[in-house]
Amino acid sequence: MGIGCVAAQHNTIYEDSRVRILEVKAAPAHQHAADYVWVADSEIHFSRGNTNHAERNGEIVIELLQRQTQPKNVCAEVLAREYLHCREPGSQWLGANLQIQFETDQTHVGILQIAPNATLALPPADIPPLLVALEGTEAEAVTRPNGASVTSGVRRPLRAANVLRSPADQITEIRNIGKSPARFLVFEFDGAGE
């Protein structure tokens, strides 16, 4: 059970100093102590902590463990009746199909899509993004030291609810091995917190 969750069954699938990612097992209405993000019917949702919420079995909930300030829509209406501030993602995502959906002063949240048989390289970053594979994703990741050959990397499959967080000094290549677009929820973080 996630800390701060009342009367709900969750399986923690990832946790660091910034986020706790929970897979819902049983979900009567309850509250999360921290602000959180969840995906339902391919749409991203954001709620402040201590707000009543009913989840569906198998849903993924991402608790944002650090205080979030100034939430705003970017390219999707995640926050109802709020203005859209659509802009392109940062240069590290050049050529990627990433749409930032909403952001706070601390966190940027978007949806990344990788076409079938396509590969996307995530370069090393001081604060690497966190990716959560969404339903229907069939992909594999190869993580290797910067400058090392792809054959020397560590391979792992990526399916729904799998979390990918590369070490800061590593390159990760994600290849869609499925027949439909591989979709990931992407979290980019600003500032201290590791």
N, C-alpha and C. Protein backbone atom coordinates (compact mmCIF):
# COMPACT_ATOMS: atom_id res chain seq x y z
N MET A 1 0.85 -1.17 0.00
CA MET A 1 0.00 0.00 0.00
C MET A 1 0.89 1.23 0.00
N GLY A 2 0.63 2.20 -0.89
CA GLY A 2 1.42 3.41 -0.96
C GLY A 2 1.23 4.24 0.30
N ILE A 3 2.29 4.90 0.73
CA ILE A 3 2.20 5.75 1.90
C ILE A 3 1.24 6.88 1.57
N GLY A 4 0.30 7.16 2.45
CA GLY A 4 -0.66 8.21 2.21
C GLY A 4 -1.92 7.72 1.53
N CYS A 5 -1.98 6.49 1.08
CA CYS A 5 -3.18 5.95 0.46
C CYS A 5 -4.05 5.34 1.55
N VAL A 6 -5.31 5.69 1.52
CA VAL A 6 -6.24 5.20 2.51
C VAL A 6 -7.18 4.21 1.84
N ALA A 7 -7.32 3.01 2.39
CA ALA A 7 -8.29 2.00 1.92
C ALA A 7 -8.11 1.62 0.46
N ALA A 8 -6.88 1.52 -0.02
CA ALA A 8 -6.64 1.08 -1.39
C ALA A 8 -5.50 0.07 -1.40
N GLN A 9 -5.50 -0.81 -2.36
CA GLN A 9 -4.43 -1.79 -2.53
C GLN A 9 -3.60 -1.37 -3.74
N HIS A 10 -2.32 -1.16 -3.53
CA HIS A 10 -1.41 -0.77 -4.60
C HIS A 10 -0.16 -1.65 -4.53
N ASN A 11 0.43 -1.85 -5.67
CA ASN A 11 1.72 -2.52 -5.78
C ASN A 11 2.71 -1.45 -6.22
N THR A 12 3.73 -1.15 -5.40
CA THR A 12 4.74 -0.17 -5.77
C THR A 12 5.66 -0.81 -6.79
N ILE A 13 5.74 -0.20 -8.00
CA ILE A 13 6.59 -0.76 -9.06
C ILE A 13 7.88 0.02 -9.25
N TYR A 14 7.94 1.24 -8.66
CA TYR A 14 9.17 2.04 -8.74
C TYR A 14 9.06 3.14 -7.70
N GLU A 15 10.21 3.50 -7.11
CA GLU A 15 10.22 4.64 -6.19
C GLU A 15 11.62 5.22 -6.13
N ASP A 16 11.68 6.55 -6.15
CA ASP A 16 12.92 7.27 -5.88
C ASP A 16 12.54 8.52 -5.09
N SER A 17 13.43 9.49 -4.97
CA SER A 17 13.14 10.66 -4.15
C SER A 17 12.12 11.60 -4.79
N ARG A 18 11.81 11.41 -6.07
CA ARG A 18 10.88 12.30 -6.78
C ARG A 18 9.49 11.70 -6.97
N VAL A 19 9.43 10.39 -7.23
CA VAL A 19 8.15 9.76 -7.57
C VAL A 19 8.00 8.40 -6.90
N ARG A 20 6.76 8.00 -6.73
CA ARG A 20 6.41 6.64 -6.34
C ARG A 20 5.38 6.19 -7.37
N ILE A 21 5.66 5.09 -8.06
CA ILE A 21 4.76 4.61 -9.11
C ILE A 21 4.04 3.38 -8.58
N LEU A 22 2.71 3.43 -8.63
CA LEU A 22 1.85 2.40 -8.07
C LEU A 22 0.99 1.78 -9.16
N GLU A 23 0.85 0.47 -9.10
CA GLU A 23 -0.12 -0.23 -9.94
C GLU A 23 -1.30 -0.57 -9.05
N VAL A 24 -2.49 -0.18 -9.48
CA VAL A 24 -3.70 -0.34 -8.67
C VAL A 24 -4.16 -1.79 -8.72
N LYS A 25 -4.42 -2.37 -7.54
CA LYS A 25 -4.94 -3.74 -7.44
C LYS A 25 -6.41 -3.75 -7.03
N ALA A 26 -6.80 -2.88 -6.14
CA ALA A 26 -8.19 -2.73 -5.72
C ALA A 26 -8.34 -1.28 -5.32
N ALA A 27 -9.45 -0.66 -5.71
CA ALA A 27 -9.46 0.78 -5.59
C ALA A 27 -10.79 1.39 -5.17
N PRO A 28 -11.20 1.20 -3.93
CA PRO A 28 -12.32 2.02 -3.47
C PRO A 28 -11.85 3.48 -3.42
N ALA A 29 -12.78 4.41 -3.35
CA ALA A 29 -12.40 5.82 -3.28
C ALA A 29 -11.44 6.03 -2.11
N HIS A 30 -10.39 6.79 -2.35
CA HIS A 30 -9.36 7.04 -1.34
C HIS A 30 -8.60 8.30 -1.70
N GLN A 31 -7.58 8.61 -0.93
CA GLN A 31 -6.76 9.80 -1.17
C GLN A 31 -5.28 9.41 -1.20
N HIS A 32 -4.52 10.17 -1.97
CA HIS A 32 -3.06 10.08 -1.95
C HIS A 32 -2.57 11.33 -1.23
N ALA A 33 -1.58 11.21 -0.38
CA ALA A 33 -1.07 12.35 0.37
C ALA A 33 -0.35 13.35 -0.54
N ALA A 34 0.30 12.86 -1.60
CA ALA A 34 1.06 13.72 -2.51
C ALA A 34 0.24 14.01 -3.77
N ASP A 35 0.63 15.07 -4.49
CA ASP A 35 0.06 15.31 -5.82
C ASP A 35 0.36 14.08 -6.67
N TYR A 36 -0.51 13.78 -7.64
CA TYR A 36 -0.29 12.57 -8.43
C TYR A 36 -0.83 12.71 -9.84
N VAL A 37 -0.32 11.83 -10.72
CA VAL A 37 -0.68 11.76 -12.13
C VAL A 37 -1.17 10.35 -12.38
N TRP A 38 -2.18 10.21 -13.25
CA TRP A 38 -2.59 8.89 -13.69
C TRP A 38 -3.09 8.98 -15.12
N VAL A 39 -3.07 7.84 -15.83
CA VAL A 39 -3.54 7.77 -17.20
C VAL A 39 -4.78 6.90 -17.23
N ALA A 40 -5.86 7.43 -17.81
CA ALA A 40 -7.10 6.68 -17.99
C ALA A 40 -7.60 6.95 -19.39
N ASP A 41 -7.93 5.87 -20.10
CA ASP A 41 -8.42 6.00 -21.47
C ASP A 41 -7.49 6.87 -22.32
N SER A 42 -6.19 6.65 -22.19
CA SER A 42 -5.15 7.33 -22.95
C SER A 42 -5.04 8.82 -22.66
N GLU A 43 -5.65 9.29 -21.59
CA GLU A 43 -5.55 10.69 -21.22
C GLU A 43 -4.82 10.81 -19.87
N ILE A 44 -3.97 11.85 -19.78
CA ILE A 44 -3.26 12.12 -18.54
C ILE A 44 -4.16 12.96 -17.64
N HIS A 45 -4.13 12.62 -16.35
CA HIS A 45 -4.88 13.38 -15.35
C HIS A 45 -3.92 13.77 -14.23
N PHE A 46 -4.20 14.89 -13.57
CA PHE A 46 -3.39 15.39 -12.46
C PHE A 46 -4.33 15.76 -11.33
N SER A 47 -3.99 15.37 -10.11
CA SER A 47 -4.77 15.74 -8.94
C SER A 47 -3.84 16.18 -7.82
N ARG A 48 -4.30 17.12 -7.06
CA ARG A 48 -3.58 17.53 -5.87
C ARG A 48 -3.72 16.45 -4.81
N GLY A 49 -2.76 16.36 -3.91
CA GLY A 49 -2.83 15.42 -2.81
C GLY A 49 -4.06 15.68 -1.94
N ASN A 50 -4.49 14.63 -1.25
CA ASN A 50 -5.63 14.68 -0.34
C ASN A 50 -6.94 15.03 -1.04
N THR A 51 -7.06 14.62 -2.31
CA THR A 51 -8.29 14.76 -3.08
C THR A 51 -8.88 13.37 -3.26
N ASN A 52 -10.18 13.20 -3.03
CA ASN A 52 -10.80 11.88 -3.21
C ASN A 52 -10.65 11.43 -4.65
N HIS A 53 -10.34 10.14 -4.80
CA HIS A 53 -10.08 9.58 -6.13
C HIS A 53 -10.47 8.11 -6.14
N ALA A 54 -11.15 7.68 -7.19
CA ALA A 54 -11.46 6.26 -7.39
C ALA A 54 -10.67 5.79 -8.60
N GLU A 55 -9.93 4.70 -8.45
CA GLU A 55 -9.08 4.18 -9.52
C GLU A 55 -9.62 2.85 -10.01
N ARG A 56 -9.21 2.50 -11.22
CA ARG A 56 -9.61 1.21 -11.79
C ARG A 56 -8.47 0.21 -11.64
N ASN A 57 -8.82 -1.05 -11.50
CA ASN A 57 -7.83 -2.11 -11.39
C ASN A 57 -6.88 -2.05 -12.58
N GLY A 58 -5.60 -2.12 -12.33
CA GLY A 58 -4.58 -2.11 -13.38
C GLY A 58 -4.11 -0.72 -13.77
N GLU A 59 -4.74 0.33 -13.26
CA GLU A 59 -4.33 1.69 -13.56
C GLU A 59 -2.97 1.97 -12.92
N ILE A 60 -2.21 2.87 -13.51
CA ILE A 60 -0.92 3.29 -12.99
C ILE A 60 -1.07 4.69 -12.40
N VAL A 61 -0.62 4.85 -11.17
CA VAL A 61 -0.66 6.15 -10.48
C VAL A 61 0.77 6.54 -10.14
N ILE A 62 1.13 7.78 -10.46
CA ILE A 62 2.46 8.28 -10.17
C ILE A 62 2.34 9.40 -9.14
N GLU A 63 2.76 9.12 -7.92
CA GLU A 63 2.76 10.14 -6.88
C GLU A 63 4.01 10.99 -7.03
N LEU A 64 3.84 12.31 -7.06
CA LEU A 64 4.94 13.25 -7.16
C LEU A 64 5.33 13.64 -5.73
N LEU A 65 6.44 13.10 -5.25
CA LEU A 65 6.80 13.18 -3.84
C LEU A 65 7.33 14.54 -3.40
N GLN A 66 7.73 15.36 -4.35
CA GLN A 66 8.18 16.71 -4.01
C GLN A 66 7.03 17.69 -4.26
N ARG A 67 6.99 18.74 -3.49
CA ARG A 67 5.93 19.74 -3.63
C ARG A 67 5.92 20.28 -5.06
N GLN A 68 4.76 20.33 -5.68
CA GLN A 68 4.60 20.81 -7.05
C GLN A 68 3.94 22.19 -7.02
N THR A 69 4.55 23.16 -7.72
CA THR A 69 4.00 24.51 -7.76
C THR A 69 3.69 24.91 -9.20
N GLN A 70 2.73 25.78 -9.34
CA GLN A 70 2.34 26.36 -10.62
C GLN A 70 1.99 25.33 -11.70
N PRO A 71 1.08 24.40 -11.43
CA PRO A 71 0.69 23.47 -12.49
C PRO A 71 -0.02 24.22 -13.62
N LYS A 72 0.30 23.82 -14.87
CA LYS A 72 -0.37 24.43 -16.01
C LYS A 72 -0.39 23.46 -17.18
N ASN A 73 -1.40 23.61 -18.01
CA ASN A 73 -1.50 22.83 -19.24
C ASN A 73 -0.39 23.27 -20.19
N VAL A 74 0.07 22.32 -21.00
CA VAL A 74 0.99 22.68 -22.07
C VAL A 74 0.27 22.40 -23.38
N CYS A 75 0.25 21.16 -23.86
CA CYS A 75 -0.39 20.86 -25.15
C CYS A 75 -1.66 20.03 -24.99
N ALA A 76 -2.17 19.86 -23.79
CA ALA A 76 -3.42 19.11 -23.58
C ALA A 76 -4.14 19.72 -22.38
N GLU A 77 -5.45 19.58 -22.36
CA GLU A 77 -6.22 20.12 -21.25
C GLU A 77 -6.28 19.10 -20.12
N VAL A 78 -5.21 19.02 -19.37
CA VAL A 78 -5.12 18.14 -18.21
C VAL A 78 -5.83 18.81 -17.03
N LEU A 79 -5.63 20.11 -16.90
CA LEU A 79 -6.28 20.91 -15.87
C LEU A 79 -7.49 21.58 -16.52
N ALA A 80 -8.67 21.25 -16.07
CA ALA A 80 -9.91 21.73 -16.69
C ALA A 80 -9.98 23.25 -16.74
N ARG A 81 -10.43 23.74 -17.87
CA ARG A 81 -10.69 25.17 -18.08
C ARG A 81 -9.46 26.05 -17.89
N GLU A 82 -8.29 25.48 -18.09
CA GLU A 82 -7.05 26.26 -18.01
C GLU A 82 -6.49 26.45 -19.42
N TYR A 83 -5.85 27.55 -19.64
CA TYR A 83 -5.27 27.92 -20.93
C TYR A 83 -4.17 26.92 -21.34
N LEU A 84 -4.03 26.65 -22.65
CA LEU A 84 -2.95 25.80 -23.17
C LEU A 84 -1.73 26.67 -23.48
N HIS A 85 -0.54 26.18 -23.10
CA HIS A 85 0.72 26.87 -23.36
C HIS A 85 1.59 25.97 -24.25
N CYS A 86 1.05 25.51 -25.37
CA CYS A 86 1.73 24.50 -26.19
C CYS A 86 3.07 25.03 -26.73
N ARG A 87 4.08 24.17 -26.63
CA ARG A 87 5.42 24.46 -27.12
C ARG A 87 6.11 23.15 -27.44
N GLU A 88 7.18 23.23 -28.17
CA GLU A 88 7.95 22.05 -28.52
C GLU A 88 8.75 21.57 -27.31
N PRO A 89 8.97 20.25 -27.18
CA PRO A 89 9.84 19.76 -26.11
C PRO A 89 11.28 20.20 -26.33
N GLY A 90 12.12 20.01 -25.32
CA GLY A 90 13.52 20.43 -25.39
C GLY A 90 14.30 19.75 -26.51
N SER A 91 15.48 20.28 -26.81
CA SER A 91 16.30 19.81 -27.92
C SER A 91 16.74 18.35 -27.77
N GLN A 92 16.78 17.82 -26.54
CA GLN A 92 17.16 16.42 -26.35
C GLN A 92 16.15 15.47 -26.98
N TRP A 93 14.95 15.97 -27.29
CA TRP A 93 13.90 15.16 -27.90
C TRP A 93 13.77 15.42 -29.40
N LEU A 94 14.77 16.05 -30.02
CA LEU A 94 14.74 16.37 -31.44
C LEU A 94 14.47 15.11 -32.26
N GLY A 95 13.45 15.17 -33.08
CA GLY A 95 13.09 14.02 -33.93
C GLY A 95 12.18 13.02 -33.25
N ALA A 96 11.91 13.20 -31.97
CA ALA A 96 11.03 12.27 -31.25
C ALA A 96 9.59 12.77 -31.31
N ASN A 97 8.66 11.85 -31.24
CA ASN A 97 7.24 12.20 -31.20
C ASN A 97 6.82 12.31 -29.73
N LEU A 98 7.21 13.43 -29.11
CA LEU A 98 6.89 13.69 -27.71
C LEU A 98 6.03 14.93 -27.64
N GLN A 99 4.90 14.82 -26.96
CA GLN A 99 4.06 15.99 -26.73
C GLN A 99 3.96 16.20 -25.22
N ILE A 100 4.50 17.34 -24.75
CA ILE A 100 4.38 17.68 -23.34
C ILE A 100 2.92 18.05 -23.08
N GLN A 101 2.29 17.37 -22.12
CA GLN A 101 0.88 17.56 -21.84
C GLN A 101 0.63 18.64 -20.80
N PHE A 102 1.39 18.58 -19.70
CA PHE A 102 1.29 19.61 -18.67
C PHE A 102 2.59 19.64 -17.88
N GLU A 103 2.73 20.70 -17.06
CA GLU A 103 3.96 20.85 -16.30
C GLU A 103 3.69 21.63 -15.02
N THR A 104 4.63 21.48 -14.10
CA THR A 104 4.69 22.32 -12.91
C THR A 104 6.07 22.97 -12.96
N ASP A 105 6.39 23.77 -11.94
CA ASP A 105 7.73 24.36 -11.91
C ASP A 105 8.81 23.29 -11.72
N GLN A 106 8.42 22.09 -11.26
CA GLN A 106 9.38 21.03 -10.96
C GLN A 106 9.38 19.89 -11.97
N THR A 107 8.26 19.67 -12.67
CA THR A 107 8.09 18.45 -13.47
C THR A 107 7.37 18.75 -14.78
N HIS A 108 7.83 18.10 -15.86
CA HIS A 108 7.17 18.19 -17.17
C HIS A 108 6.68 16.78 -17.49
N VAL A 109 5.43 16.66 -17.93
CA VAL A 109 4.83 15.35 -18.18
C VAL A 109 4.30 15.31 -19.61
N GLY A 110 4.66 14.26 -20.33
CA GLY A 110 4.22 14.14 -21.72
C GLY A 110 4.01 12.70 -22.14
N ILE A 111 3.58 12.56 -23.40
CA ILE A 111 3.40 11.25 -24.01
C ILE A 111 4.37 11.13 -25.17
N LEU A 112 5.19 10.08 -25.14
CA LEU A 112 6.15 9.77 -26.19
C LEU A 112 5.60 8.60 -26.99
N GLN A 113 5.65 8.71 -28.32
CA GLN A 113 5.25 7.59 -29.18
C GLN A 113 6.42 7.23 -30.09
N ILE A 114 6.65 5.93 -30.23
CA ILE A 114 7.70 5.42 -31.12
C ILE A 114 7.02 4.48 -32.12
N ALA A 115 7.19 4.75 -33.39
CA ALA A 115 6.55 3.98 -34.45
C ALA A 115 7.09 2.54 -34.48
N PRO A 116 6.30 1.59 -35.01
CA PRO A 116 6.78 0.21 -35.14
C PRO A 116 8.11 0.16 -35.90
N ASN A 117 9.03 -0.66 -35.43
CA ASN A 117 10.37 -0.86 -36.00
C ASN A 117 11.27 0.35 -35.90
N ALA A 118 10.86 1.41 -35.22
CA ALA A 118 11.69 2.60 -35.06
C ALA A 118 12.48 2.52 -33.75
N THR A 119 13.58 3.26 -33.70
CA THR A 119 14.44 3.32 -32.52
C THR A 119 14.63 4.77 -32.12
N LEU A 120 14.62 5.02 -30.83
CA LEU A 120 14.86 6.36 -30.29
C LEU A 120 16.00 6.26 -29.30
N ALA A 121 17.01 7.13 -29.45
CA ALA A 121 18.14 7.17 -28.52
C ALA A 121 17.92 8.31 -27.53
N LEU A 122 18.00 7.98 -26.24
CA LEU A 122 17.94 8.98 -25.17
C LEU A 122 19.38 9.26 -24.75
N PRO A 123 19.86 10.48 -24.97
CA PRO A 123 21.25 10.78 -24.62
C PRO A 123 21.43 10.88 -23.12
N PRO A 124 22.70 10.85 -22.66
CA PRO A 124 22.95 11.05 -21.23
C PRO A 124 22.40 12.41 -20.80
N ALA A 125 21.94 12.49 -19.56
CA ALA A 125 21.41 13.74 -19.02
C ALA A 125 21.76 13.83 -17.55
N ASP A 126 21.97 15.05 -17.07
CA ASP A 126 22.25 15.23 -15.64
C ASP A 126 21.12 14.67 -14.79
N ILE A 127 19.88 14.93 -15.22
CA ILE A 127 18.70 14.37 -14.56
C ILE A 127 17.92 13.63 -15.64
N PRO A 128 18.16 12.31 -15.78
CA PRO A 128 17.51 11.56 -16.87
C PRO A 128 16.00 11.54 -16.70
N PRO A 129 15.28 11.52 -17.84
CA PRO A 129 13.82 11.40 -17.76
C PRO A 129 13.42 10.02 -17.25
N LEU A 130 12.22 9.94 -16.75
CA LEU A 130 11.63 8.69 -16.31
C LEU A 130 10.54 8.35 -17.31
N LEU A 131 10.55 7.12 -17.82
CA LEU A 131 9.54 6.68 -18.78
C LEU A 131 8.76 5.53 -18.20
N VAL A 132 7.43 5.56 -18.39
CA VAL A 132 6.55 4.48 -17.96
C VAL A 132 5.83 3.97 -19.19
N ALA A 133 6.04 2.69 -19.52
CA ALA A 133 5.39 2.11 -20.69
C ALA A 133 3.88 2.03 -20.47
N LEU A 134 3.13 2.46 -21.49
CA LEU A 134 1.68 2.45 -21.40
C LEU A 134 1.11 1.19 -22.07
N GLU A 135 -0.16 0.94 -21.84
CA GLU A 135 -0.82 -0.26 -22.34
C GLU A 135 -0.61 -0.42 -23.84
N GLY A 136 -0.30 -1.65 -24.26
CA GLY A 136 -0.09 -1.97 -25.66
C GLY A 136 1.34 -1.85 -26.13
N THR A 137 2.23 -1.34 -25.29
CA THR A 137 3.63 -1.15 -25.67
C THR A 137 4.38 -2.47 -25.69
N GLU A 138 5.10 -2.70 -26.77
CA GLU A 138 6.03 -3.83 -26.91
C GLU A 138 7.33 -3.25 -27.43
N ALA A 139 8.29 -3.10 -26.55
CA ALA A 139 9.55 -2.48 -26.93
C ALA A 139 10.69 -3.13 -26.16
N GLU A 140 11.91 -2.76 -26.55
CA GLU A 140 13.07 -3.19 -25.78
C GLU A 140 14.00 -2.01 -25.64
N ALA A 141 14.72 -1.98 -24.54
CA ALA A 141 15.68 -0.91 -24.26
C ALA A 141 17.07 -1.52 -24.17
N VAL A 142 18.03 -0.81 -24.73
CA VAL A 142 19.44 -1.17 -24.59
C VAL A 142 20.13 0.01 -23.94
N THR A 143 20.72 -0.20 -22.77
CA THR A 143 21.41 0.86 -22.04
C THR A 143 22.90 0.53 -22.03
N ARG A 144 23.70 1.56 -22.36
CA ARG A 144 25.15 1.34 -22.45
C ARG A 144 25.88 2.61 -22.07
N PRO A 145 27.15 2.48 -21.65
CA PRO A 145 27.94 3.67 -21.35
C PRO A 145 28.09 4.54 -22.61
N ASN A 146 28.17 5.84 -22.42
CA ASN A 146 28.36 6.76 -23.53
C ASN A 146 29.65 6.39 -24.27
N GLY A 147 29.57 6.18 -25.57
CA GLY A 147 30.73 5.81 -26.38
C GLY A 147 30.90 4.32 -26.59
N ALA A 148 30.21 3.47 -25.83
CA ALA A 148 30.30 2.01 -26.00
C ALA A 148 29.39 1.56 -27.14
N SER A 149 29.70 0.41 -27.72
CA SER A 149 28.88 -0.10 -28.82
C SER A 149 27.55 -0.65 -28.29
N VAL A 150 26.55 -0.68 -29.18
CA VAL A 150 25.22 -1.17 -28.81
C VAL A 150 25.30 -2.62 -28.33
N THR A 151 26.20 -3.41 -28.91
CA THR A 151 26.30 -4.83 -28.53
C THR A 151 26.79 -5.01 -27.10
N SER A 152 27.41 -3.97 -26.52
CA SER A 152 27.90 -4.10 -25.14
C SER A 152 26.85 -3.67 -24.12
N GLY A 153 25.69 -3.26 -24.58
CA GLY A 153 24.66 -2.75 -23.67
C GLY A 153 23.85 -3.84 -23.01
N VAL A 154 23.09 -3.42 -22.00
CA VAL A 154 22.19 -4.30 -21.28
C VAL A 154 20.79 -4.16 -21.90
N ARG A 155 20.22 -5.30 -22.34
CA ARG A 155 18.90 -5.30 -22.97
C ARG A 155 17.84 -5.68 -21.96
N ARG A 156 16.66 -5.04 -22.12
CA ARG A 156 15.51 -5.44 -21.30
C ARG A 156 14.23 -5.15 -22.06
N PRO A 157 13.25 -6.03 -21.91
CA PRO A 157 11.96 -5.79 -22.57
C PRO A 157 11.18 -4.70 -21.83
N LEU A 158 10.32 -4.00 -22.55
CA LEU A 158 9.46 -2.98 -21.97
C LEU A 158 8.02 -3.27 -22.38
N ARG A 159 7.19 -3.52 -21.40
CA ARG A 159 5.75 -3.75 -21.60
C ARG A 159 4.99 -2.80 -20.69
N ALA A 160 3.68 -2.81 -20.77
CA ALA A 160 2.85 -1.92 -19.97
C ALA A 160 3.27 -1.94 -18.50
N ALA A 161 3.38 -0.78 -17.92
CA ALA A 161 3.71 -0.54 -16.50
C ALA A 161 5.19 -0.74 -16.19
N ASN A 162 6.03 -1.07 -17.17
CA ASN A 162 7.47 -1.13 -16.92
C ASN A 162 8.01 0.29 -16.86
N VAL A 163 8.99 0.50 -15.98
CA VAL A 163 9.58 1.81 -15.77
C VAL A 163 11.01 1.79 -16.28
N LEU A 164 11.39 2.85 -17.00
CA LEU A 164 12.74 2.98 -17.53
C LEU A 164 13.35 4.28 -17.02
N ARG A 165 14.44 4.15 -16.29
CA ARG A 165 15.20 5.30 -15.82
C ARG A 165 16.67 4.98 -16.02
N SER A 166 17.30 5.68 -16.97
CA SER A 166 18.70 5.43 -17.29
C SER A 166 19.61 6.12 -16.30
N PRO A 167 20.77 5.53 -16.01
CA PRO A 167 21.77 6.24 -15.22
C PRO A 167 22.20 7.50 -15.97
N ALA A 168 22.63 8.53 -15.25
CA ALA A 168 22.94 9.83 -15.86
C ALA A 168 24.04 9.75 -16.92
N ASP A 169 24.98 8.82 -16.79
CA ASP A 169 26.10 8.75 -17.72
C ASP A 169 25.91 7.69 -18.82
N GLN A 170 24.68 7.26 -19.02
CA GLN A 170 24.41 6.18 -19.97
C GLN A 170 23.53 6.68 -21.14
N ILE A 171 23.63 5.99 -22.25
CA ILE A 171 22.75 6.20 -23.40
C ILE A 171 21.77 5.04 -23.41
N THR A 172 20.51 5.33 -23.65
CA THR A 172 19.51 4.27 -23.76
C THR A 172 18.84 4.38 -25.12
N GLU A 173 18.79 3.27 -25.82
CA GLU A 173 18.05 3.21 -27.08
C GLU A 173 16.81 2.36 -26.86
N ILE A 174 15.67 2.90 -27.29
CA ILE A 174 14.40 2.19 -27.18
C ILE A 174 13.96 1.81 -28.58
N ARG A 175 13.68 0.53 -28.78
CA ARG A 175 13.23 0.05 -30.10
C ARG A 175 11.83 -0.53 -29.95
N ASN A 176 10.93 -0.07 -30.80
CA ASN A 176 9.57 -0.61 -30.82
C ASN A 176 9.60 -1.92 -31.59
N ILE A 177 9.33 -3.03 -30.91
CA ILE A 177 9.31 -4.34 -31.56
C ILE A 177 7.88 -4.81 -31.82
N GLY A 178 6.90 -3.96 -31.52
CA GLY A 178 5.50 -4.31 -31.71
C GLY A 178 4.97 -3.88 -33.07
N LYS A 179 3.70 -4.13 -33.28
CA LYS A 179 3.05 -3.79 -34.55
C LYS A 179 2.29 -2.47 -34.49
N SER A 180 2.21 -1.85 -33.31
CA SER A 180 1.54 -0.56 -33.16
C SER A 180 2.50 0.38 -32.42
N PRO A 181 2.20 1.69 -32.40
CA PRO A 181 3.11 2.61 -31.72
C PRO A 181 3.34 2.22 -30.26
N ALA A 182 4.60 2.30 -29.83
CA ALA A 182 4.94 2.11 -28.41
C ALA A 182 4.72 3.46 -27.75
N ARG A 183 4.01 3.47 -26.63
CA ARG A 183 3.66 4.72 -25.96
C ARG A 183 4.22 4.72 -24.54
N PHE A 184 4.78 5.87 -24.16
CA PHE A 184 5.37 6.03 -22.85
C PHE A 184 4.91 7.34 -22.22
N LEU A 185 4.64 7.29 -20.93
CA LEU A 185 4.43 8.49 -20.14
C LEU A 185 5.83 8.96 -19.75
N VAL A 186 6.16 10.22 -20.04
CA VAL A 186 7.51 10.74 -19.81
C VAL A 186 7.46 11.81 -18.73
N PHE A 187 8.38 11.69 -17.76
CA PHE A 187 8.54 12.70 -16.71
C PHE A 187 9.94 13.27 -16.83
N GLU A 188 10.03 14.59 -16.97
CA GLU A 188 11.30 15.30 -16.93
C GLU A 188 11.28 16.14 -15.66
N PHE A 189 12.43 16.20 -14.97
CA PHE A 189 12.51 16.85 -13.68
C PHE A 189 13.50 18.00 -13.70
N ASP A 190 13.15 19.05 -12.97
CA ASP A 190 14.03 20.21 -12.82
C ASP A 190 14.60 20.23 -11.42
N GLY A 191 15.82 20.70 -11.27
CA GLY A 191 16.38 20.96 -9.96
C GLY A 191 16.82 19.74 -9.18
N ALA A 192 17.10 19.98 -7.90
CA ALA A 192 17.62 18.95 -7.01
C ALA A 192 16.53 17.94 -6.64
N GLY A 193 16.95 16.81 -6.10
CA GLY A 193 15.97 15.84 -5.64
C GLY A 193 16.46 14.42 -5.66
N GLU A 194 17.59 14.15 -6.23
CA GLU A 194 18.08 12.77 -6.29
C GLU A 194 18.72 12.39 -4.99
